[in-house]
Amino acid sequence: MTLTLPSFAAPAALLTTLALVACGGGSEGGVSGTAGPNVPAMGARLSVGTGNYETVAVDAVYSAAQFASQASMTTLVGALSSGTVLCAGGGSVDVKLGAGSNGRLDQALENATLVFDGCVQSGYVFNGKLVLGLNAAPTGSVASGSYAVDATLLMTNFSADDGQIRLVANGLLGLTSTRTAAGTGRDQVDTSALALSVTPSGGSSASYVLHGYSAELVLSAGALSATYRGSLTSSRLGNRSVDFSTTTPFTTAAGATFPSAGVAIAIGSNNSKATLTVLDATRVRLDVDTTGDGSVESTVPCTWASIAVGDRCVVPAP
């Protein structure tokens, strides 16, 4: 079973569960300090070559984009109160507001600690600890389609298990979101350091660490333009790292599953490089420059559908 996509999509389910206890939110000002425990340092640089560039493109280009879009969908807009919240399918979430709160988490620089204990919600079982901090008081509401949210999450052994894949997250995640109307607005997703461990049922685990990750998603009537950058260390790449970024924004039409335009690169040691170029909403092209001299040593056409479920390309039918 391929681990790539679930490794980055699962945080959406992790964070969406906060709808149990919040109907709004905020970012970093309410969470003190560090990247949190259990976040490894960035690995040594990977040499990108003809034998690994497809995996590099999938892990560092496609999955990083997916992580941004999934995390941005987990906007929190509302207020938390101290106490134990029972989850829909069993288990609970224990909520403790930080000192100085007014009994609700709805003001700038406030924070709350949430401890999930076998919480069953939205098809997932959640466990672990999460600290949610507000940078600013949330405004508006999801129901109205107009809101502003700025929040930071500090995760400690925070896990989600849907029976097929178990994900464990450690580190910081910043989420900022505004909507001026349904499907129109801007999301920002950031992390200084975030570690993800993914274990499929009956399979072996894989680990991913994001450092210095930043993504911006601009929505207009449901259409999406996304840019992102950061560094990724992956066990699928021998615990080595690459830097990645969009050089042309990924644009996705309203209602579409995949982008129809955009270019992103992943750069390893000696400026070796994998490039993903979007051809249309169905097809992409992967290129590798092993020496960093600007010449392409290998090219493979690929489908979005195959990238979404694997680390090797399926050549599209003519």
C-alpha atoms as a PDB file:
ATOM      1  CA  MET A   1       0.000   0.000   0.000  1.00  0.00           C
ATOM      2  CA  THR A   2       1.341   3.417  -0.965  1.00  0.00           C
ATOM      3  CA  LEU A   3       1.852   5.802   1.940  1.00  0.00           C
ATOM      4  CA  THR A   4       2.349   9.105   0.172  1.00  0.00           C
ATOM      5  CA  LEU A   5      -1.101  10.618  -0.125  1.00  0.00           C
ATOM      6  CA  PRO A   6      -2.492   9.447   3.229  1.00  0.00           C
ATOM      7  CA  SER A   7       0.567  10.828   4.976  1.00  0.00           C
ATOM      8  CA  PHE A   8      -0.413  14.366   4.092  1.00  0.00           C
ATOM      9  CA  ALA A   9      -4.182  14.155   3.677  1.00  0.00           C
ATOM     10  CA  ALA A  10      -4.900  12.729   7.109  1.00  0.00           C
ATOM     11  CA  PRO A  11      -4.246  15.965   9.038  1.00  0.00           C
ATOM     12  CA  ALA A  12      -7.512  17.221   7.557  1.00  0.00           C
ATOM     13  CA  ALA A  13      -9.385  14.537   9.442  1.00  0.00           C
ATOM     14  CA  LEU A  14      -7.278  15.120  12.543  1.00  0.00           C
ATOM     15  CA  LEU A  15      -8.096  18.793  12.658  1.00  0.00           C
ATOM     16  CA  THR A  16     -11.644  18.630  11.391  1.00  0.00           C
ATOM     17  CA  THR A  17     -12.495  16.691  14.524  1.00  0.00           C
ATOM     18  CA  LEU A  18     -11.996  19.915  16.452  1.00  0.00           C
ATOM     19  CA  ALA A  19     -15.463  20.824  15.212  1.00  0.00           C
ATOM     20  CA  LEU A  20     -16.529  18.703  18.168  1.00  0.00           C
ATOM     21  CA  VAL A  21     -15.378  21.403  20.531  1.00  0.00           C
ATOM     22  CA  ALA A  22     -15.019  24.503  18.375  1.00  0.00           C
ATOM     23  CA  CYS A  23     -17.061  26.314  15.853  1.00  0.00           C
ATOM     24  CA  GLY A  24     -14.382  28.957  15.165  1.00  0.00           C
ATOM     25  CA  GLY A  25     -10.658  29.668  15.806  1.00  0.00           C
ATOM     26  CA  GLY A  26      -7.346  31.703  15.622  1.00  0.00           C
ATOM     27  CA  SER A  27      -2.912  31.224  15.330  1.00  0.00           C
ATOM     28  CA  GLU A  28       0.531  31.343  16.927  1.00  0.00           C
ATOM     29  CA  GLY A  29       0.169  34.007  19.591  1.00  0.00           C
ATOM     30  CA  GLY A  30      -1.612  31.635  21.978  1.00  0.00           C
ATOM     31  CA  VAL A  31       0.912  28.800  21.701  1.00  0.00           C
ATOM     32  CA  SER A  32       4.332  29.237  23.258  1.00  0.00           C
ATOM     33  CA  GLY A  33       7.388  28.252  21.715  1.00  0.00           C
ATOM     34  CA  THR A  34       9.068  25.286  20.301  1.00  0.00           C
ATOM     35  CA  ALA A  35       8.486  22.862  17.495  1.00  0.00           C
ATOM     36  CA  GLY A  36       7.388  20.331  20.091  1.00  0.00           C
ATOM     37  CA  PRO A  37       8.805  16.923  20.956  1.00  0.00           C
ATOM     38  CA  ASN A  38       9.662  14.097  18.594  1.00  0.00           C
ATOM     39  CA  VAL A  39      10.424  16.254  15.563  1.00  0.00           C
ATOM     40  CA  PRO A  40      13.680  15.035  13.969  1.00  0.00           C
ATOM     41  CA  ALA A  41      16.208  17.364  12.410  1.00  0.00           C
ATOM     42  CA  MET A  42      16.243  17.724   8.648  1.00  0.00           C
ATOM     43  CA  GLY A  43      18.090  14.898   6.904  1.00  0.00           C
ATOM     44  CA  ALA A  44      21.171  15.173   4.711  1.00  0.00           C
ATOM     45  CA  ARG A  45      20.526  16.294   1.163  1.00  0.00           C
ATOM     46  CA  LEU A  46      19.339  13.695  -1.339  1.00  0.00           C
ATOM     47  CA  SER A  47      20.932  13.339  -4.733  1.00  0.00           C
ATOM     48  CA  VAL A  48      18.011  13.368  -7.157  1.00  0.00           C
ATOM     49  CA  GLY A  49      18.548  10.904  -9.982  1.00  0.00           C
ATOM     50  CA  THR A  50      16.819   8.804 -12.606  1.00  0.00           C
ATOM     51  CA  GLY A  51      16.170   6.055 -10.077  1.00  0.00           C
ATOM     52  CA  ASN A  52      14.303   8.179  -7.518  1.00  0.00           C
ATOM     53  CA  TYR A  53      12.931  11.303  -9.176  1.00  0.00           C
ATOM     54  CA  GLU A  54       9.398   9.952  -9.556  1.00  0.00           C
ATOM     55  CA  THR A  55       9.209   9.275  -5.810  1.00  0.00           C
ATOM     56  CA  VAL A  56      10.733  12.702  -5.140  1.00  0.00           C
ATOM     57  CA  ALA A  57       8.121  14.372  -7.327  1.00  0.00           C
ATOM     58  CA  VAL A  58       5.267  12.527  -5.642  1.00  0.00           C
ATOM     59  CA  ASP A  59       6.466  13.068  -2.061  1.00  0.00           C
ATOM     60  CA  ALA A  60       7.804  16.609  -2.259  1.00  0.00           C
ATOM     61  CA  VAL A  61       5.685  18.121  -5.010  1.00  0.00           C
ATOM     62  CA  TYR A  62       2.240  16.526  -5.168  1.00  0.00           C
ATOM     63  CA  SER A  63       1.856  15.497  -1.533  1.00  0.00           C
ATOM     64  CA  ALA A  64       3.072  18.849  -0.218  1.00  0.00           C
ATOM     65  CA  ALA A  65       0.389  20.560  -2.286  1.00  0.00           C
ATOM     66  CA  GLN A  66      -2.206  18.121  -0.980  1.00  0.00           C
ATOM     67  CA  PHE A  67      -1.144  18.793   2.588  1.00  0.00           C
ATOM     68  CA  ALA A  68      -1.780  22.514   2.145  1.00  0.00           C
ATOM     69  CA  SER A  69      -5.196  22.103   0.585  1.00  0.00           C
ATOM     70  CA  GLN A  70      -6.323  19.500   3.117  1.00  0.00           C
ATOM     71  CA  ALA A  71      -5.077  21.392   6.162  1.00  0.00           C
ATOM     72  CA  SER A  72      -6.663  24.621   4.962  1.00  0.00           C
ATOM     73  CA  MET A  73     -10.047  22.924   4.850  1.00  0.00           C
ATOM     74  CA  THR A  74      -9.939  22.404   8.624  1.00  0.00           C
ATOM     75  CA  THR A  75     -10.755  25.981   9.564  1.00  0.00           C
ATOM     76  CA  LEU A  76     -11.948  26.504  13.124  1.00  0.00           C
ATOM     77  CA  VAL A  77     -14.484  29.211  13.780  1.00  0.00           C
ATOM     78  CA  GLY A  78     -16.120  29.346  17.251  1.00  0.00           C
ATOM     79  CA  ALA A  79     -15.410  29.019  20.940  1.00  0.00           C
ATOM     80  CA  LEU A  80     -14.107  26.336  23.283  1.00  0.00           C
ATOM     81  CA  SER A  81     -15.151  25.841  26.895  1.00  0.00           C
ATOM     82  CA  SER A  82     -13.413  23.740  29.558  1.00  0.00           C
ATOM     83  CA  GLY A  83     -14.786  20.291  30.215  1.00  0.00           C
ATOM     84  CA  THR A  84     -15.086  16.815  28.723  1.00  0.00           C
ATOM     85  CA  VAL A  85     -16.720  16.475  25.321  1.00  0.00           C
ATOM     86  CA  LEU A  86     -18.131  13.079  24.345  1.00  0.00           C
ATOM     87  CA  CYS A  87     -17.385  12.014  20.774  1.00  0.00           C
ATOM     88  CA  ALA A  88     -20.128  10.834  18.428  1.00  0.00           C
ATOM     89  CA  GLY A  89     -18.818   7.257  18.128  1.00  0.00           C
ATOM     90  CA  GLY A  90     -17.368   6.867  21.626  1.00  0.00           C
ATOM     91  CA  GLY A  91     -14.399   8.174  23.559  1.00  0.00           C
ATOM     92  CA  SER A  92     -13.901  11.768  24.619  1.00  0.00           C
ATOM     93  CA  VAL A  93     -11.913  14.991  24.396  1.00  0.00           C
ATOM     94  CA  ASP A  94     -10.797  16.699  27.612  1.00  0.00           C
ATOM     95  CA  VAL A  95     -10.600  20.483  27.143  1.00  0.00           C
ATOM     96  CA  LYS A  96      -8.652  22.759  29.495  1.00  0.00           C
ATOM     97  CA  LEU A  97      -8.497  26.486  28.840  1.00  0.00           C
ATOM     98  CA  GLY A  98      -5.282  28.362  29.535  1.00  0.00           C
ATOM     99  CA  ALA A  99      -4.885  30.808  32.408  1.00  0.00           C
ATOM    100  CA  GLY A 100      -6.525  34.180  31.839  1.00  0.00           C
ATOM    101  CA  SER A 101      -9.330  32.967  29.608  1.00  0.00           C
ATOM    102  CA  ASN A 102     -12.849  34.216  30.163  1.00  0.00           C
ATOM    103  CA  GLY A 103     -14.283  30.715  30.202  1.00  0.00           C
ATOM    104  CA  ARG A 104     -14.293  30.500  26.415  1.00  0.00           C
ATOM    105  CA  LEU A 105     -11.536  30.266  23.819  1.00  0.00           C
ATOM    106  CA  ASP A 106     -12.535  33.271  21.720  1.00  0.00           C
ATOM    107  CA  GLN A 107      -9.935  36.000  22.318  1.00  0.00           C
ATOM    108  CA  ALA A 108      -6.451  36.762  20.963  1.00  0.00           C
ATOM    109  CA  LEU A 109      -3.491  35.047  22.686  1.00  0.00           C
ATOM    110  CA  GLU A 110      -5.714  32.547  24.492  1.00  0.00           C
ATOM    111  CA  ASN A 111      -5.062  28.828  24.262  1.00  0.00           C
ATOM    112  CA  ALA A 112      -6.612  25.509  25.179  1.00  0.00           C
ATOM    113  CA  THR A 113      -5.201  22.024  25.681  1.00  0.00           C
ATOM    114  CA  LEU A 114      -7.196  19.153  24.208  1.00  0.00           C
ATOM    115  CA  VAL A 115      -6.476  15.536  25.131  1.00  0.00           C
ATOM    116  CA  PHE A 116      -8.149  12.974  22.876  1.00  0.00           C
ATOM    117  CA  ASP A 117      -8.920   9.583  24.425  1.00  0.00           C
ATOM    118  CA  GLY A 118     -10.226   7.058  21.919  1.00  0.00           C
ATOM    119  CA  CYS A 119     -12.389   9.748  20.331  1.00  0.00           C
ATOM    120  CA  VAL A 120     -14.355   8.215  17.437  1.00  0.00           C
ATOM    121  CA  GLN A 121     -15.509  10.827  14.946  1.00  0.00           C
ATOM    122  CA  SER A 122     -15.862  11.085  11.154  1.00  0.00           C
ATOM    123  CA  GLY A 123     -14.614   7.514  10.670  1.00  0.00           C
ATOM    124  CA  TYR A 124     -11.413   8.049  12.674  1.00  0.00           C
ATOM    125  CA  VAL A 125     -10.210   7.143  16.167  1.00  0.00           C
ATOM    126  CA  PHE A 126      -8.239  10.021  17.691  1.00  0.00           C
ATOM    127  CA  ASN A 127      -5.736   9.953  20.546  1.00  0.00           C
ATOM    128  CA  GLY A 128      -3.054  12.277  21.852  1.00  0.00           C
ATOM    129  CA  LYS A 129      -2.582  15.879  22.832  1.00  0.00           C
ATOM    130  CA  LEU A 130      -3.201  19.107  20.996  1.00  0.00           C
ATOM    131  CA  VAL A 131      -2.706  22.710  22.121  1.00  0.00           C
ATOM    132  CA  LEU A 132      -4.789  25.214  20.172  1.00  0.00           C
ATOM    133  CA  GLY A 133      -3.789  28.886  20.376  1.00  0.00           C
ATOM    134  CA  LEU A 134      -5.386  31.991  18.941  1.00  0.00           C
ATOM    135  CA  ASN A 135      -3.439  34.848  17.395  1.00  0.00           C
ATOM    136  CA  ALA A 136      -6.557  36.947  17.035  1.00  0.00           C
ATOM    137  CA  ALA A 137     -10.167  36.764  18.061  1.00  0.00           C
ATOM    138  CA  PRO A 138     -12.117  34.826  15.397  1.00  0.00           C
ATOM    139  CA  THR A 139     -14.804  36.708  13.516  1.00  0.00           C
ATOM    140  CA  GLY A 140     -17.839  35.699  11.475  1.00  0.00           C
ATOM    141  CA  SER A 141     -19.084  32.142  11.091  1.00  0.00           C
ATOM    142  CA  VAL A 142     -18.753  29.233   8.696  1.00  0.00           C
ATOM    143  CA  ALA A 143     -22.541  29.166   8.341  1.00  0.00           C
ATOM    144  CA  SER A 144     -22.591  32.735   7.018  1.00  0.00           C
ATOM    145  CA  GLY A 145     -19.758  32.072   4.568  1.00  0.00           C
ATOM    146  CA  SER A 146     -17.788  35.045   5.899  1.00  0.00           C
ATOM    147  CA  TYR A 147     -15.170  34.627   8.625  1.00  0.00           C
ATOM    148  CA  ALA A 148     -11.554  35.158   9.703  1.00  0.00           C
ATOM    149  CA  VAL A 149      -9.497  32.630  11.660  1.00  0.00           C
ATOM    150  CA  ASP A 150      -5.866  32.648  12.817  1.00  0.00           C
ATOM    151  CA  ALA A 151      -4.727  29.637  14.884  1.00  0.00           C
ATOM    152  CA  THR A 152      -1.674  27.576  15.742  1.00  0.00           C
ATOM    153  CA  LEU A 153      -1.774  23.925  16.726  1.00  0.00           C
ATOM    154  CA  LEU A 154       0.948  22.187  18.750  1.00  0.00           C
ATOM    155  CA  MET A 155       0.577  18.421  18.394  1.00  0.00           C
ATOM    156  CA  THR A 156       2.140  15.829  20.707  1.00  0.00           C
ATOM    157  CA  ASN A 157       1.703  12.186  19.628  1.00  0.00           C
ATOM    158  CA  PHE A 158      -1.596  13.227  18.107  1.00  0.00           C
ATOM    159  CA  SER A 159      -2.950  10.286  16.103  1.00  0.00           C
ATOM    160  CA  ALA A 160      -5.775   9.363  13.767  1.00  0.00           C
ATOM    161  CA  ASP A 161      -6.661   5.803  12.735  1.00  0.00           C
ATOM    162  CA  ASP A 162      -9.369   4.959  10.199  1.00  0.00           C
ATOM    163  CA  GLY A 163      -8.738   1.202  10.333  1.00  0.00           C
ATOM    164  CA  GLN A 164      -6.665   1.310   7.160  1.00  0.00           C
ATOM    165  CA  ILE A 165      -3.995   3.884   7.993  1.00  0.00           C
ATOM    166  CA  ARG A 166      -2.747   5.247  11.313  1.00  0.00           C
ATOM    167  CA  LEU A 167      -1.105   8.669  11.315  1.00  0.00           C
ATOM    168  CA  VAL A 168       0.827  10.206  14.226  1.00  0.00           C
ATOM    169  CA  ALA A 169       1.699  13.919  14.145  1.00  0.00           C
ATOM    170  CA  ASN A 170       4.163  15.912  16.256  1.00  0.00           C
ATOM    171  CA  GLY A 171       4.994  19.586  15.885  1.00  0.00           C
ATOM    172  CA  LEU A 172       3.517  22.961  15.041  1.00  0.00           C
ATOM    173  CA  LEU A 173       0.954  23.841  12.406  1.00  0.00           C
ATOM    174  CA  GLY A 174      -0.264  27.365  11.721  1.00  0.00           C
ATOM    175  CA  LEU A 175      -3.610  27.908   9.989  1.00  0.00           C
ATOM    176  CA  THR A 176      -4.929  31.273   8.835  1.00  0.00           C
ATOM    177  CA  SER A 177      -8.128  31.505   6.836  1.00  0.00           C
ATOM    178  CA  THR A 178     -10.446  34.256   5.623  1.00  0.00           C
ATOM    179  CA  ARG A 179     -13.635  34.039   3.590  1.00  0.00           C
ATOM    180  CA  THR A 180     -15.503  37.000   2.160  1.00  0.00           C
ATOM    181  CA  ALA A 181     -18.072  34.744   0.529  1.00  0.00           C
ATOM    182  CA  ALA A 182     -18.574  31.024  -0.018  1.00  0.00           C
ATOM    183  CA  GLY A 183     -15.626  29.699  -2.049  1.00  0.00           C
ATOM    184  CA  THR A 184     -13.815  33.047  -2.037  1.00  0.00           C
ATOM    185  CA  GLY A 185     -10.936  33.968   0.266  1.00  0.00           C
ATOM    186  CA  ARG A 186      -7.401  33.058   1.287  1.00  0.00           C
ATOM    187  CA  ASP A 187      -5.760  30.318   3.380  1.00  0.00           C
ATOM    188  CA  GLN A 188      -2.238  30.221   4.771  1.00  0.00           C
ATOM    189  CA  VAL A 189      -0.680  27.001   6.129  1.00  0.00           C
ATOM    190  CA  ASP A 190       2.721  27.112   7.856  1.00  0.00           C
ATOM    191  CA  THR A 191       4.936  24.880   9.959  1.00  0.00           C
ATOM    192  CA  SER A 192       8.431  25.408  11.290  1.00  0.00           C
ATOM    193  CA  ALA A 193       8.705  21.673  11.933  1.00  0.00           C
ATOM    194  CA  LEU A 194       6.124  18.915  11.661  1.00  0.00           C
ATOM    195  CA  ALA A 195       6.756  15.153  11.843  1.00  0.00           C
ATOM    196  CA  LEU A 196       4.294  12.633  10.444  1.00  0.00           C
ATOM    197  CA  SER A 197       4.432   8.859  10.866  1.00  0.00           C
ATOM    198  CA  VAL A 198       2.133   6.733   8.720  1.00  0.00           C
ATOM    199  CA  THR A 199       1.391   3.044   9.202  1.00  0.00           C
ATOM    200  CA  PRO A 200      -1.034   1.157   6.936  1.00  0.00           C
ATOM    201  CA  SER A 201      -2.963  -1.797   8.319  1.00  0.00           C
ATOM    202  CA  GLY A 202      -0.790  -4.868   7.885  1.00  0.00           C
ATOM    203  CA  GLY A 203       2.067  -2.822   6.443  1.00  0.00           C
ATOM    204  CA  SER A 204       5.258  -1.063   7.494  1.00  0.00           C
ATOM    205  CA  SER A 205       5.402   2.561   8.580  1.00  0.00           C
ATOM    206  CA  ALA A 206       6.899   5.523   6.764  1.00  0.00           C
ATOM    207  CA  SER A 207       7.958   8.855   8.208  1.00  0.00           C
ATOM    208  CA  TYR A 208       7.947  12.385   6.820  1.00  0.00           C
ATOM    209  CA  VAL A 209       9.271  15.622   8.319  1.00  0.00           C
ATOM    210  CA  LEU A 210       8.402  19.067   6.975  1.00  0.00           C
ATOM    211  CA  HIS A 211      10.652  22.021   7.849  1.00  0.00           C
ATOM    212  CA  GLY A 212      10.066  25.663   6.960  1.00  0.00           C
ATOM    213  CA  TYR A 213       6.842  24.831   5.121  1.00  0.00           C
ATOM    214  CA  SER A 214       4.602  27.636   3.892  1.00  0.00           C
ATOM    215  CA  ALA A 215       1.653  27.496   1.528  1.00  0.00           C
ATOM    216  CA  GLU A 216      -0.830  30.084   0.291  1.00  0.00           C
ATOM    217  CA  LEU A 217      -4.154  29.155  -1.266  1.00  0.00           C
ATOM    218  CA  VAL A 218      -6.278  31.810  -2.946  1.00  0.00           C
ATOM    219  CA  LEU A 219      -9.880  30.916  -3.738  1.00  0.00           C
ATOM    220  CA  SER A 220     -12.194  32.753  -6.111  1.00  0.00           C
ATOM    221  CA  ALA A 221     -15.704  31.403  -6.628  1.00  0.00           C
ATOM    222  CA  GLY A 222     -14.373  27.919  -5.874  1.00  0.00           C
ATOM    223  CA  ALA A 223     -11.348  28.087  -8.193  1.00  0.00           C
ATOM    224  CA  LEU A 224      -7.991  27.637  -6.452  1.00  0.00           C
ATOM    225  CA  SER A 225      -4.493  29.036  -6.981  1.00  0.00           C
ATOM    226  CA  ALA A 226      -1.830  27.477  -4.729  1.00  0.00           C
ATOM    227  CA  THR A 227       1.831  28.253  -4.056  1.00  0.00           C
ATOM    228  CA  TYR A 228       4.067  26.528  -1.520  1.00  0.00           C
ATOM    229  CA  ARG A 229       7.660  25.920  -0.446  1.00  0.00           C
ATOM    230  CA  GLY A 230       9.611  24.055   2.206  1.00  0.00           C
ATOM    231  CA  SER A 231      11.908  21.123   2.919  1.00  0.00           C
ATOM    232  CA  LEU A 232      10.951  17.464   3.224  1.00  0.00           C
ATOM    233  CA  THR A 233      12.790  14.548   4.806  1.00  0.00           C
ATOM    234  CA  SER A 234      11.239  11.170   3.978  1.00  0.00           C
ATOM    235  CA  SER A 235      12.015   7.599   4.983  1.00  0.00           C
ATOM    236  CA  ARG A 236      11.005   6.690   1.432  1.00  0.00           C
ATOM    237  CA  LEU A 237      14.018   8.731   0.339  1.00  0.00           C
ATOM    238  CA  GLY A 238      16.424   7.082   2.778  1.00  0.00           C
ATOM    239  CA  ASN A 239      15.760   9.792   5.411  1.00  0.00           C
ATOM    240  CA  ARG A 240      17.360  12.341   3.141  1.00  0.00           C
ATOM    241  CA  SER A 241      15.914  15.715   2.261  1.00  0.00           C
ATOM    242  CA  VAL A 242      14.950  17.923  -0.660  1.00  0.00           C
ATOM    243  CA  ASP A 243      13.740  21.501  -0.926  1.00  0.00           C
ATOM    244  CA  PHE A 244      10.568  22.060  -2.911  1.00  0.00           C
ATOM    245  CA  SER A 245       8.589  24.987  -4.269  1.00  0.00           C
ATOM    246  CA  THR A 246       6.136  26.049  -6.926  1.00  0.00           C
ATOM    247  CA  THR A 247       7.687  28.097  -9.711  1.00  0.00           C
ATOM    248  CA  THR A 248       4.269  28.607 -11.333  1.00  0.00           C
ATOM    249  CA  PRO A 249       1.136  28.491  -9.143  1.00  0.00           C
ATOM    250  CA  PHE A 250      -0.973  25.341  -9.266  1.00  0.00           C
ATOM    251  CA  THR A 251      -4.440  26.354 -10.487  1.00  0.00           C
ATOM    252  CA  THR A 252      -7.504  24.175 -10.094  1.00  0.00           C
ATOM    253  CA  ALA A 253     -10.895  24.963 -11.613  1.00  0.00           C
ATOM    254  CA  ALA A 254     -13.945  25.073  -9.366  1.00  0.00           C
ATOM    255  CA  GLY A 255     -15.203  21.547  -8.768  1.00  0.00           C
ATOM    256  CA  ALA A 256     -12.108  19.916 -10.310  1.00  0.00           C
ATOM    257  CA  THR A 257     -10.069  17.266  -8.502  1.00  0.00           C
ATOM    258  CA  PHE A 258      -6.615  18.083  -9.881  1.00  0.00           C
ATOM    259  CA  PRO A 259      -4.790  21.235 -11.053  1.00  0.00           C
ATOM    260  CA  SER A 260      -4.876  22.092 -14.758  1.00  0.00           C
ATOM    261  CA  ALA A 261      -1.746  24.296 -14.730  1.00  0.00           C
ATOM    262  CA  GLY A 262       1.375  24.844 -12.654  1.00  0.00           C
ATOM    263  CA  VAL A 263       5.027  23.888 -12.232  1.00  0.00           C
ATOM    264  CA  ALA A 264       6.843  22.720  -9.094  1.00  0.00           C
ATOM    265  CA  ILE A 265      10.404  21.618  -8.415  1.00  0.00           C
ATOM    266  CA  ALA A 266      12.253  19.556  -5.807  1.00  0.00           C
ATOM    267  CA  ILE A 267      15.974  20.264  -5.419  1.00  0.00           C
ATOM    268  CA  GLY A 268      18.524  17.954  -3.824  1.00  0.00           C
ATOM    269  CA  SER A 269      22.300  17.922  -3.472  1.00  0.00           C
ATOM    270  CA  ASN A 270      24.465  19.546  -6.149  1.00  0.00           C
ATOM    271  CA  ASN A 271      21.333  21.275  -7.460  1.00  0.00           C
ATOM    272  CA  SER A 272      19.950  17.976  -8.770  1.00  0.00           C
ATOM    273  CA  LYS A 273      16.319  18.545  -9.554  1.00  0.00           C
ATOM    274  CA  ALA A 274      12.956  16.878 -10.227  1.00  0.00           C
ATOM    275  CA  THR A 275      10.301  18.981 -11.957  1.00  0.00           C
ATOM    276  CA  LEU A 276       6.575  18.355 -12.182  1.00  0.00           C
ATOM    277  CA  THR A 277       4.839  20.259 -14.991  1.00  0.00           C
ATOM    278  CA  VAL A 278       1.049  20.193 -15.173  1.00  0.00           C
ATOM    279  CA  LEU A 279      -0.188  19.613 -18.720  1.00  0.00           C
ATOM    280  CA  ASP A 280      -3.906  19.617 -17.960  1.00  0.00           C
ATOM    281  CA  ALA A 281      -6.354  18.373 -15.310  1.00  0.00           C
ATOM    282  CA  THR A 282      -5.547  14.770 -16.269  1.00  0.00           C
ATOM    283  CA  ARG A 283      -1.866  14.689 -17.237  1.00  0.00           C
ATOM    284  CA  VAL A 284       1.511  15.860 -15.914  1.00  0.00           C
ATOM    285  CA  ARG A 285       5.132  15.492 -16.992  1.00  0.00           C
ATOM    286  CA  LEU A 286       8.051  14.602 -14.712  1.00  0.00           C
ATOM    287  CA  ASP A 287      11.612  15.641 -15.603  1.00  0.00           C
ATOM    288  CA  VAL A 288      14.952  15.030 -13.871  1.00  0.00           C
ATOM    289  CA  ASP A 289      18.155  17.065 -14.086  1.00  0.00           C
ATOM    290  CA  THR A 290      20.726  15.000 -12.172  1.00  0.00           C
ATOM    291  CA  THR A 291      23.626  17.451 -12.451  1.00  0.00           C
ATOM    292  CA  GLY A 292      21.891  20.797 -12.012  1.00  0.00           C
ATOM    293  CA  ASP A 293      23.191  22.086 -15.350  1.00  0.00           C
ATOM    294  CA  GLY A 294      19.722  22.704 -16.793  1.00  0.00           C
ATOM    295  CA  SER A 295      19.709  19.673 -19.089  1.00  0.00           C
ATOM    296  CA  VAL A 296      16.976  17.053 -18.667  1.00  0.00           C
ATOM    297  CA  GLU A 297      18.308  13.491 -18.539  1.00  0.00           C
ATOM    298  CA  SER A 298      14.965  11.715 -18.296  1.00  0.00           C
ATOM    299  CA  THR A 299      11.292  12.558 -18.840  1.00  0.00           C
ATOM    300  CA  VAL A 300       8.171  10.546 -18.181  1.00  0.00           C
ATOM    301  CA  PRO A 301       4.544  11.433 -18.926  1.00  0.00           C
ATOM    302  CA  CYS A 302       2.163  10.659 -16.106  1.00  0.00           C
ATOM    303  CA  THR A 303      -1.457  10.873 -15.021  1.00  0.00           C
ATOM    304  CA  TRP A 304      -2.688  12.762 -11.956  1.00  0.00           C
ATOM    305  CA  ALA A 305      -4.651   9.664 -10.971  1.00  0.00           C
ATOM    306  CA  SER A 306      -1.526   7.500 -10.788  1.00  0.00           C
ATOM    307  CA  ILE A 307       0.404  10.118  -8.805  1.00  0.00           C
ATOM    308  CA  ALA A 308      -2.451  10.308  -6.298  1.00  0.00           C
ATOM    309  CA  VAL A 309      -2.135   6.623  -5.387  1.00  0.00           C
ATOM    310  CA  GLY A 310       1.475   5.660  -6.044  1.00  0.00           C
ATOM    311  CA  ASP A 311       5.100   6.621  -6.288  1.00  0.00           C
ATOM    312  CA  ARG A 312       5.569   5.567  -9.908  1.00  0.00           C
ATOM    313  CA  CYS A 313       3.865   6.996 -12.968  1.00  0.00           C
ATOM    314  CA  VAL A 314       1.347   5.302 -15.190  1.00  0.00           C
ATOM    315  CA  VAL A 315       1.962   6.490 -18.734  1.00  0.00           C
ATOM    316  CA  PRO A 316      -1.294   7.947 -20.115  1.00  0.00           C
ATOM    317  CA  ALA A 317      -2.948   6.207 -23.052  1.00  0.00           C
ATOM    318  CA  PRO A 318      -2.331   7.903 -26.394  1.00  0.00           C
END
